[in-house]
């Protein structure tokens, strides 16, 4: 894995952890949940659905494919910023 990929992955993980901590701080009565977030998965790290010609999890061919999703902590999807834009709660493209 090259330095850029490691750095990007570390940034996404830190951002998600901060989002979860922030959500727990402000809404302790809400149970932890996950949501499908489109366009935030790195190549081969999607949970499912990566467009035509793919079978499911781990089949995204490119980073941040708009037609591939991964589960993220509930309420954090649209706050995730990638080089191709923010995460989406709906499939784009």
PDB file of N, CA and C in Angstrom:
ATOM      1  N   UNK A   1       0.855  -1.168   0.000  1.00  0.00           N
ATOM      2  CA  UNK A   1       0.000   0.000   0.000  1.00  0.00           C
ATOM      3  C   UNK A   1       0.901   1.231   0.000  1.00  0.00           C
ATOM      4  N   UNK A   2       0.636   2.165  -0.896  1.00  0.00           N
ATOM      5  CA  UNK A   2       1.510   3.318  -0.958  1.00  0.00           C
ATOM      6  C   UNK A   2       1.167   4.332   0.130  1.00  0.00           C
ATOM      7  N   UNK A   3       2.042   5.288   0.315  1.00  0.00           N
ATOM      8  CA  UNK A   3       1.912   6.289   1.378  1.00  0.00           C
ATOM      9  C   UNK A   3       0.605   7.077   1.249  1.00  0.00           C
ATOM     10  N   UNK A   4       0.225   7.423   0.037  1.00  0.00           N
ATOM     11  CA  UNK A   4      -0.994   8.204  -0.185  1.00  0.00           C
ATOM     12  C   UNK A   4      -2.234   7.419   0.245  1.00  0.00           C
ATOM     13  N   UNK A   5      -2.280   6.131  -0.082  1.00  0.00           N
ATOM     14  CA  UNK A   5      -3.418   5.300   0.299  1.00  0.00           C
ATOM     15  C   UNK A   5      -3.511   5.149   1.812  1.00  0.00           C
ATOM     16  N   UNK A   6      -2.378   4.929   2.449  1.00  0.00           N
ATOM     17  CA  UNK A   6      -2.349   4.784   3.906  1.00  0.00           C
ATOM     18  C   UNK A   6      -2.809   6.078   4.567  1.00  0.00           C
ATOM     19  N   UNK A   7      -2.336   7.193   4.067  1.00  0.00           N
ATOM     20  CA  UNK A   7      -2.718   8.490   4.624  1.00  0.00           C
ATOM     21  C   UNK A   7      -4.214   8.731   4.439  1.00  0.00           C
ATOM     22  N   UNK A   8      -4.730   8.443   3.261  1.00  0.00           N
ATOM     23  CA  UNK A   8      -6.157   8.629   3.002  1.00  0.00           C
ATOM     24  C   UNK A   8      -6.995   7.736   3.901  1.00  0.00           C
ATOM     25  N   UNK A   9      -6.612   6.487   4.030  1.00  0.00           N
ATOM     26  CA  UNK A   9      -7.345   5.550   4.868  1.00  0.00           C
ATOM     27  C   UNK A   9      -7.299   5.984   6.333  1.00  0.00           C
ATOM     28  N   UNK A  10      -6.157   6.460   6.792  1.00  0.00           N
ATOM     29  CA  UNK A  10      -6.032   6.934   8.170  1.00  0.00           C
ATOM     30  C   UNK A  10      -6.915   8.156   8.390  1.00  0.00           C
ATOM     31  N   UNK A  11      -6.980   9.044   7.411  1.00  0.00           N
ATOM     32  CA  UNK A  11      -7.830  10.235   7.532  1.00  0.00           C
ATOM     33  C   UNK A  11      -9.295   9.839   7.632  1.00  0.00           C
ATOM     34  N   UNK A  12      -9.754   8.931   6.785  1.00  0.00           N
ATOM     35  CA  UNK A  12     -11.158   8.495   6.820  1.00  0.00           C
ATOM     36  C   UNK A  12     -11.471   7.831   8.156  1.00  0.00           C
ATOM     37  N   UNK A  13     -10.584   6.973   8.639  1.00  0.00           N
ATOM     38  CA  UNK A  13     -10.801   6.294   9.921  1.00  0.00           C
ATOM     39  C   UNK A  13     -10.860   7.303  11.071  1.00  0.00           C
ATOM     40  N   UNK A  14      -9.970   8.274  11.077  1.00  0.00           N
ATOM     41  CA  UNK A  14      -9.967   9.290  12.130  1.00  0.00           C
ATOM     42  C   UNK A  14     -11.229  10.137  12.063  1.00  0.00           C
ATOM     43  N   UNK A  15     -11.653  10.480  10.855  1.00  0.00           N
ATOM     44  CA  UNK A  15     -12.859  11.272  10.683  1.00  0.00           C
ATOM     45  C   UNK A  15     -14.082  10.510  11.192  1.00  0.00           C
ATOM     46  N   UNK A  16     -14.170   9.227  10.844  1.00  0.00           N
ATOM     47  CA  UNK A  16     -15.295   8.418  11.318  1.00  0.00           C
ATOM     48  C   UNK A  16     -15.289   8.295  12.835  1.00  0.00           C
ATOM     49  N   UNK A  17     -14.123   8.090  13.411  1.00  0.00           N
ATOM     50  CA  UNK A  17     -14.029   7.970  14.871  1.00  0.00           C
ATOM     51  C   UNK A  17     -14.446   9.277  15.543  1.00  0.00           C
ATOM     52  N   UNK A  18     -14.039  10.399  14.994  1.00  0.00           N
ATOM     53  CA  UNK A  18     -14.421  11.692  15.560  1.00  0.00           C
ATOM     54  C   UNK A  18     -15.922  11.906  15.437  1.00  0.00           C
ATOM     55  N   UNK A  19     -16.487  11.496  14.317  1.00  0.00           N
ATOM     56  CA  UNK A  19     -17.927  11.630  14.118  1.00  0.00           C
ATOM     57  C   UNK A  19     -18.713  10.800  15.097  1.00  0.00           C
ATOM     58  N   UNK A  20     -18.260   9.575  15.350  1.00  0.00           N
ATOM     59  CA  UNK A  20     -18.930   8.706  16.311  1.00  0.00           C
ATOM     60  C   UNK A  20     -18.829   9.297  17.712  1.00  0.00           C
ATOM     61  N   UNK A  21     -17.653   9.769  18.079  1.00  0.00           N
ATOM     62  CA  UNK A  21     -17.474  10.367  19.405  1.00  0.00           C
ATOM     63  C   UNK A  21     -18.371  11.591  19.568  1.00  0.00           C
ATOM     64  N   UNK A  22     -18.435  12.412  18.542  1.00  0.00           N
ATOM     65  CA  UNK A  22     -19.271  13.604  18.584  1.00  0.00           C
ATOM     66  C   UNK A  22     -20.751  13.224  18.696  1.00  0.00           C
ATOM     67  N   UNK A  23     -21.184  12.239  17.922  1.00  0.00           N
ATOM     68  CA  UNK A  23     -22.583  11.808  17.953  1.00  0.00           C
ATOM     69  C   UNK A  23     -22.939  11.231  19.319  1.00  0.00           C
ATOM     70  N   UNK A  24     -22.045  10.455  19.909  1.00  0.00           N
ATOM     71  CA  UNK A  24     -22.312   9.866  21.210  1.00  0.00           C
ATOM     72  C   UNK A  24     -22.368  10.933  22.293  1.00  0.00           C
ATOM     73  N   UNK A  25     -21.547  11.965  22.158  1.00  0.00           N
ATOM     74  CA  UNK A  25     -21.513  13.039  23.142  1.00  0.00           C
ATOM     75  C   UNK A  25     -22.813  13.833  23.137  1.00  0.00           C
ATOM     76  N   UNK A  26     -23.366  14.050  21.959  1.00  0.00           N
ATOM     77  CA  UNK A  26     -24.550  14.891  21.841  1.00  0.00           C
ATOM     78  C   UNK A  26     -25.868  14.127  21.830  1.00  0.00           C
ATOM     79  N   UNK A  27     -25.841  12.826  21.697  1.00  0.00           N
ATOM     80  CA  UNK A  27     -27.070  12.039  21.668  1.00  0.00           C
ATOM     81  C   UNK A  27     -26.850  10.688  22.346  1.00  0.00           C
ATOM     82  N   UNK A  28     -26.567  10.686  23.650  1.00  0.00           N
ATOM     83  CA  UNK A  28     -26.247   9.436  24.319  1.00  0.00           C
ATOM     84  C   UNK A  28     -27.399   8.434  24.345  1.00  0.00           C
ATOM     85  N   UNK A  29     -28.648   8.878  24.195  1.00  0.00           N
ATOM     86  CA  UNK A  29     -29.786   7.974  24.251  1.00  0.00           C
ATOM     87  C   UNK A  29     -29.998   7.227  22.929  1.00  0.00           C
ATOM     88  N   UNK A  30     -29.347   7.672  21.860  1.00  0.00           N
ATOM     89  CA  UNK A  30     -29.508   7.047  20.564  1.00  0.00           C
ATOM     90  C   UNK A  30     -28.593   5.833  20.463  1.00  0.00           C
ATOM     91  N   UNK A  31     -29.179   4.703  20.050  1.00  0.00           N
ATOM     92  CA  UNK A  31     -28.366   3.494  19.882  1.00  0.00           C
ATOM     93  C   UNK A  31     -27.449   3.650  18.674  1.00  0.00           C
ATOM     94  N   UNK A  32     -26.262   3.066  18.765  1.00  0.00           N
ATOM     95  CA  UNK A  32     -25.333   3.081  17.642  1.00  0.00           C
ATOM     96  C   UNK A  32     -25.972   2.324  16.484  1.00  0.00           C
ATOM     97  N   UNK A  33     -25.876   2.877  15.293  1.00  0.00           N
ATOM     98  CA  UNK A  33     -26.418   2.225  14.115  1.00  0.00           C
ATOM     99  C   UNK A  33     -25.465   2.459  12.954  1.00  0.00           C
ATOM    100  N   UNK A  34     -25.756   1.808  11.865  1.00  0.00           N
ATOM    101  CA  UNK A  34     -24.964   2.012  10.661  1.00  0.00           C
ATOM    102  C   UNK A  34     -25.900   2.414   9.533  1.00  0.00           C
ATOM    103  N   UNK A  35     -25.312   3.022   8.515  1.00  0.00           N
ATOM    104  CA  UNK A  35     -26.086   3.384   7.337  1.00  0.00           C
ATOM    105  C   UNK A  35     -25.245   3.120   6.102  1.00  0.00           C
ATOM    106  N   UNK A  36     -25.931   2.850   4.992  1.00  0.00           N
ATOM    107  CA  UNK A  36     -25.234   2.678   3.726  1.00  0.00           C
ATOM    108  C   UNK A  36     -24.765   4.045   3.271  1.00  0.00           C
ATOM    109  N   UNK A  37     -23.499   4.131   2.936  1.00  0.00           N
ATOM    110  CA  UNK A  37     -22.938   5.396   2.468  1.00  0.00           C
ATOM    111  C   UNK A  37     -22.290   5.154   1.111  1.00  0.00           C
ATOM    112  N   UNK A  38     -22.808   5.794   0.098  1.00  0.00           N
ATOM    113  CA  UNK A  38     -22.348   5.629  -1.276  1.00  0.00           C
ATOM    114  C   UNK A  38     -21.193   6.584  -1.579  1.00  0.00           C
ATOM    115  N   UNK A  39     -20.195   6.077  -2.304  1.00  0.00           N
ATOM    116  CA  UNK A  39     -19.108   6.915  -2.795  1.00  0.00           C
ATOM    117  C   UNK A  39     -17.961   7.160  -1.831  1.00  0.00           C
ATOM    118  N   UNK A  40     -17.864   6.385  -0.747  1.00  0.00           N
ATOM    119  CA  UNK A  40     -16.784   6.619   0.211  1.00  0.00           C
ATOM    120  C   UNK A  40     -15.803   5.446   0.327  1.00  0.00           C
ATOM    121  N   UNK A  41     -16.118   4.323  -0.295  1.00  0.00           N
ATOM    122  CA  UNK A  41     -15.267   3.134  -0.175  1.00  0.00           C
ATOM    123  C   UNK A  41     -14.024   3.234  -1.065  1.00  0.00           C
ATOM    124  N   UNK A  42     -12.930   2.743  -0.567  1.00  0.00           N
ATOM    125  CA  UNK A  42     -11.715   2.617  -1.364  1.00  0.00           C
ATOM    126  C   UNK A  42     -11.873   1.380  -2.248  1.00  0.00           C
ATOM    127  N   UNK A  43     -11.085   1.289  -3.309  1.00  0.00           N
ATOM    128  CA  UNK A  43     -11.141   0.148  -4.218  1.00  0.00           C
ATOM    129  C   UNK A  43     -10.999  -1.164  -3.438  1.00  0.00           C
ATOM    130  N   UNK A  44     -11.913  -2.070  -3.675  1.00  0.00           N
ATOM    131  CA  UNK A  44     -11.869  -3.377  -3.030  1.00  0.00           C
ATOM    132  C   UNK A  44     -12.335  -3.390  -1.589  1.00  0.00           C
ATOM    133  N   UNK A  45     -12.823  -2.267  -1.056  1.00  0.00           N
ATOM    134  CA  UNK A  45     -13.233  -2.218   0.344  1.00  0.00           C
ATOM    135  C   UNK A  45     -14.716  -1.907   0.522  1.00  0.00           C
ATOM    136  N   UNK A  46     -15.487  -1.970  -0.573  1.00  0.00           N
ATOM    137  CA  UNK A  46     -16.911  -1.713  -0.470  1.00  0.00           C
ATOM    138  C   UNK A  46     -17.628  -2.893   0.184  1.00  0.00           C
ATOM    139  N   UNK A  47     -18.776  -2.624   0.804  1.00  0.00           N
ATOM    140  CA  UNK A  47     -19.551  -3.691   1.421  1.00  0.00           C
ATOM    141  C   UNK A  47     -20.426  -4.404   0.410  1.00  0.00           C
ATOM    142  N   UNK A  48     -20.904  -3.710  -0.601  1.00  0.00           N
ATOM    143  CA  UNK A  48     -21.681  -4.361  -1.653  1.00  0.00           C
ATOM    144  C   UNK A  48     -21.995  -3.362  -2.752  1.00  0.00           C
ATOM    145  N   UNK A  49     -22.561  -3.866  -3.848  1.00  0.00           N
ATOM    146  CA  UNK A  49     -23.018  -3.079  -4.988  1.00  0.00           C
ATOM    147  C   UNK A  49     -21.947  -2.153  -5.537  1.00  0.00           C
ATOM    148  N   UNK A  50     -21.306  -2.599  -6.580  1.00  0.00           N
ATOM    149  CA  UNK A  50     -20.277  -1.774  -7.200  1.00  0.00           C
ATOM    150  C   UNK A  50     -20.506  -1.675  -8.704  1.00  0.00           C
ATOM    151  N   UNK A  51     -21.749  -1.650  -9.099  1.00  0.00           N
ATOM    152  CA  UNK A  51     -22.091  -1.447 -10.494  1.00  0.00           C
ATOM    153  C   UNK A  51     -22.007  -2.692 -11.351  1.00  0.00           C
ATOM    154  N   UNK A  52     -22.259  -2.531 -12.645  1.00  0.00           N
ATOM    155  CA  UNK A  52     -22.272  -3.654 -13.579  1.00  0.00           C
ATOM    156  C   UNK A  52     -20.946  -4.412 -13.594  1.00  0.00           C
ATOM    157  N   UNK A  53     -21.041  -5.722 -13.681  1.00  0.00           N
ATOM    158  CA  UNK A  53     -19.850  -6.553 -13.771  1.00  0.00           C
ATOM    159  C   UNK A  53     -19.207  -6.894 -12.447  1.00  0.00           C
ATOM    160  N   UNK A  54     -19.813  -6.495 -11.341  1.00  0.00           N
ATOM    161  CA  UNK A  54     -19.273  -6.828 -10.029  1.00  0.00           C
ATOM    162  C   UNK A  54     -20.272  -7.716  -9.305  1.00  0.00           C
ATOM    163  N   UNK A  55     -19.808  -8.454  -8.315  1.00  0.00           N
ATOM    164  CA  UNK A  55     -20.696  -9.386  -7.636  1.00  0.00           C
ATOM    165  C   UNK A  55     -21.128  -8.903  -6.263  1.00  0.00           C
ATOM    166  N   UNK A  56     -20.296  -8.263  -5.539  1.00  0.00           N
ATOM    167  CA  UNK A  56     -20.708  -7.740  -4.234  1.00  0.00           C
ATOM    168  C   UNK A  56     -19.514  -7.168  -3.477  1.00  0.00           C
ATOM    169  N   UNK A  57     -19.402  -7.517  -2.207  1.00  0.00           N
ATOM    170  CA  UNK A  57     -18.385  -6.934  -1.328  1.00  0.00           C
ATOM    171  C   UNK A  57     -16.975  -7.077  -1.892  1.00  0.00           C
ATOM    172  N   UNK A  58     -16.200  -6.017  -1.757  1.00  0.00           N
ATOM    173  CA  UNK A  58     -14.802  -6.043  -2.158  1.00  0.00           C
ATOM    174  C   UNK A  58     -14.568  -5.985  -3.649  1.00  0.00           C
ATOM    175  N   UNK A  59     -15.569  -5.578  -4.429  1.00  0.00           N
ATOM    176  CA  UNK A  59     -15.416  -5.606  -5.884  1.00  0.00           C
ATOM    177  C   UNK A  59     -15.324  -4.231  -6.536  1.00  0.00           C
ATOM    178  N   UNK A  60     -15.308  -3.165  -5.763  1.00  0.00           N
ATOM    179  CA  UNK A  60     -15.161  -1.832  -6.358  1.00  0.00           C
ATOM    180  C   UNK A  60     -13.803  -1.757  -7.050  1.00  0.00           C
ATOM    181  N   UNK A  61     -13.792  -1.274  -8.252  1.00  0.00           N
ATOM    182  CA  UNK A  61     -12.560  -1.215  -9.047  1.00  0.00           C
ATOM    183  C   UNK A  61     -11.765   0.065  -8.824  1.00  0.00           C
ATOM    184  N   UNK A  62     -12.424   1.100  -8.290  1.00  0.00           N
ATOM    185  CA  UNK A  62     -11.755   2.385  -8.100  1.00  0.00           C
ATOM    186  C   UNK A  62     -12.122   2.968  -6.746  1.00  0.00           C
ATOM    187  N   UNK A  63     -11.300   3.844  -6.244  1.00  0.00           N
ATOM    188  CA  UNK A  63     -11.599   4.537  -4.994  1.00  0.00           C
ATOM    189  C   UNK A  63     -12.806   5.451  -5.186  1.00  0.00           C
ATOM    190  N   UNK A  64     -13.671   5.475  -4.194  1.00  0.00           N
ATOM    191  CA  UNK A  64     -14.809   6.396  -4.104  1.00  0.00           C
ATOM    192  C   UNK A  64     -15.797   6.277  -5.252  1.00  0.00           C
ATOM    193  N   UNK A  65     -15.996   5.054  -5.755  1.00  0.00           N
ATOM    194  CA  UNK A  65     -16.996   4.848  -6.800  1.00  0.00           C
ATOM    195  C   UNK A  65     -18.358   5.297  -6.282  1.00  0.00           C
ATOM    196  N   UNK A  66     -19.075   6.059  -7.069  1.00  0.00           N
ATOM    197  CA  UNK A  66     -20.391   6.559  -6.663  1.00  0.00           C
ATOM    198  C   UNK A  66     -21.432   5.447  -6.595  1.00  0.00           C
ATOM    199  N   UNK A  67     -21.191   4.322  -7.273  1.00  0.00           N
ATOM    200  CA  UNK A  67     -22.163   3.227  -7.270  1.00  0.00           C
ATOM    201  C   UNK A  67     -21.753   2.079  -6.344  1.00  0.00           C
ATOM    202  N   UNK A  68     -20.873   2.349  -5.398  1.00  0.00           N
ATOM    203  CA  UNK A  68     -20.454   1.350  -4.406  1.00  0.00           C
ATOM    204  C   UNK A  68     -20.649   1.942  -3.017  1.00  0.00           C
ATOM    205  N   UNK A  69     -21.136   1.119  -2.094  1.00  0.00           N
ATOM    206  CA  UNK A  69     -21.375   1.629  -0.744  1.00  0.00           C
ATOM    207  C   UNK A  69     -20.631   0.825   0.297  1.00  0.00           C
ATOM    208  N   UNK A  70     -20.536   1.429   1.474  1.00  0.00           N
ATOM    209  CA  UNK A  70     -20.010   0.724   2.638  1.00  0.00           C
ATOM    210  C   UNK A  70     -20.794   1.201   3.852  1.00  0.00           C
ATOM    211  N   UNK A  71     -20.879   0.373   4.868  1.00  0.00           N
ATOM    212  CA  UNK A  71     -21.553   0.762   6.095  1.00  0.00           C
ATOM    213  C   UNK A  71     -20.667   1.707   6.891  1.00  0.00           C
ATOM    214  N   UNK A  72     -21.274   2.769   7.378  1.00  0.00           N
ATOM    215  CA  UNK A  72     -20.583   3.739   8.236  1.00  0.00           C
ATOM    216  C   UNK A  72     -21.467   3.983   9.454  1.00  0.00           C
ATOM    217  N   UNK A  73     -20.926   4.526  10.522  1.00  0.00           N
ATOM    218  CA  UNK A  73     -21.754   4.819  11.688  1.00  0.00           C
ATOM    219  C   UNK A  73     -22.917   5.740  11.304  1.00  0.00           C
ATOM    220  N   UNK A  74     -24.092   5.441  11.842  1.00  0.00           N
ATOM    221  CA  UNK A  74     -25.286   6.219  11.539  1.00  0.00           C
ATOM    222  C   UNK A  74     -25.080   7.708  11.766  1.00  0.00           C
ATOM    223  N   UNK A  75     -25.543   8.505  10.817  1.00  0.00           N
ATOM    224  CA  UNK A  75     -25.459   9.947  10.936  1.00  0.00           C
ATOM    225  C   UNK A  75     -24.156  10.576  10.482  1.00  0.00           C
ATOM    226  N   UNK A  76     -23.212   9.765   9.972  1.00  0.00           N
ATOM    227  CA  UNK A  76     -21.912  10.321   9.580  1.00  0.00           C
ATOM    228  C   UNK A  76     -21.694  10.375   8.071  1.00  0.00           C
ATOM    229  N   UNK A  77     -22.526   9.715   7.296  1.00  0.00           N
ATOM    230  CA  UNK A  77     -22.273   9.549   5.865  1.00  0.00           C
ATOM    231  C   UNK A  77     -22.043  10.860   5.131  1.00  0.00           C
ATOM    232  N   UNK A  78     -22.990  11.760   5.199  1.00  0.00           N
ATOM    233  CA  UNK A  78     -22.890  12.980   4.392  1.00  0.00           C
ATOM    234  C   UNK A  78     -21.787  13.928   4.866  1.00  0.00           C
ATOM    235  N   UNK A  79     -21.229  13.681   6.040  1.00  0.00           N
ATOM    236  CA  UNK A  79     -20.127  14.499   6.535  1.00  0.00           C
ATOM    237  C   UNK A  79     -18.771  13.972   6.069  1.00  0.00           C
ATOM    238  N   UNK A  80     -18.741  12.766   5.513  1.00  0.00           N
ATOM    239  CA  UNK A  80     -17.482  12.186   5.037  1.00  0.00           C
ATOM    240  C   UNK A  80     -17.105  12.852   3.724  1.00  0.00           C
ATOM    241  N   UNK A  81     -15.930  13.453   3.684  1.00  0.00           N
ATOM    242  CA  UNK A  81     -15.461  14.134   2.480  1.00  0.00           C
ATOM    243  C   UNK A  81     -14.345  13.314   1.846  1.00  0.00           C
ATOM    244  N   UNK A  82     -14.461  13.082   0.548  1.00  0.00           N
ATOM    245  CA  UNK A  82     -13.446  12.364  -0.211  1.00  0.00           C
ATOM    246  C   UNK A  82     -12.927  13.298  -1.304  1.00  0.00           C
ATOM    247  N   UNK A  83     -11.885  12.891  -1.997  1.00  0.00           N
ATOM    248  CA  UNK A  83     -11.411  13.721  -3.114  1.00  0.00           C
ATOM    249  C   UNK A  83     -12.454  13.891  -4.225  1.00  0.00           C
ATOM    250  N   UNK A  84     -13.498  13.039  -4.214  1.00  0.00           N
ATOM    251  CA  UNK A  84     -14.538  13.115  -5.238  1.00  0.00           C
ATOM    252  C   UNK A  84     -15.846  13.689  -4.691  1.00  0.00           C
ATOM    253  N   UNK A  85     -15.820  14.262  -3.499  1.00  0.00           N
ATOM    254  CA  UNK A  85     -17.020  14.862  -2.925  1.00  0.00           C
ATOM    255  C   UNK A  85     -17.403  14.188  -1.616  1.00  0.00           C
ATOM    256  N   UNK A  86     -18.600  14.483  -1.141  1.00  0.00           N
ATOM    257  CA  UNK A  86     -19.092  13.942   0.119  1.00  0.00           C
ATOM    258  C   UNK A  86     -19.812  12.609  -0.094  1.00  0.00           C
ATOM    259  N   UNK A  87     -19.914  11.823   0.979  1.00  0.00           N
ATOM    260  CA  UNK A  87     -20.675  10.596   0.939  1.00  0.00           C
ATOM    261  C   UNK A  87     -22.143  10.914   0.694  1.00  0.00           C
ATOM    262  N   UNK A  88     -22.872   9.931   0.168  1.00  0.00           N
ATOM    263  CA  UNK A  88     -24.279  10.113  -0.156  1.00  0.00           C
ATOM    264  C   UNK A  88     -25.101   8.978   0.421  1.00  0.00           C
ATOM    265  N   UNK A  89     -26.295   9.303   0.903  1.00  0.00           N
ATOM    266  CA  UNK A  89     -27.198   8.279   1.428  1.00  0.00           C
ATOM    267  C   UNK A  89     -27.972   7.591   0.309  1.00  0.00           C
ATOM    268  N   UNK A  90     -27.850   8.086  -0.906  1.00  0.00           N
ATOM    269  CA  UNK A  90     -28.509   7.477  -2.055  1.00  0.00           C
ATOM    270  C   UNK A  90     -27.484   7.184  -3.142  1.00  0.00           C
ATOM    271  N   UNK A  91     -27.775   6.161  -3.923  1.00  0.00           N
ATOM    272  CA  UNK A  91     -26.877   5.772  -5.009  1.00  0.00           C
ATOM    273  C   UNK A  91     -26.819   6.884  -6.058  1.00  0.00           C
ATOM    274  N   UNK A  92     -25.616   7.214  -6.469  1.00  0.00           N
ATOM    275  CA  UNK A  92     -25.413   8.239  -7.493  1.00  0.00           C
ATOM    276  C   UNK A  92     -24.704   7.576  -8.659  1.00  0.00           C
ATOM    277  N   UNK A  93     -25.290   7.647  -9.818  1.00  0.00           N
ATOM    278  CA  UNK A  93     -24.646   7.117 -11.021  1.00  0.00           C
ATOM    279  C   UNK A  93     -24.786   5.679 -11.274  1.00  0.00           C
TER     280      UNK A  93
END
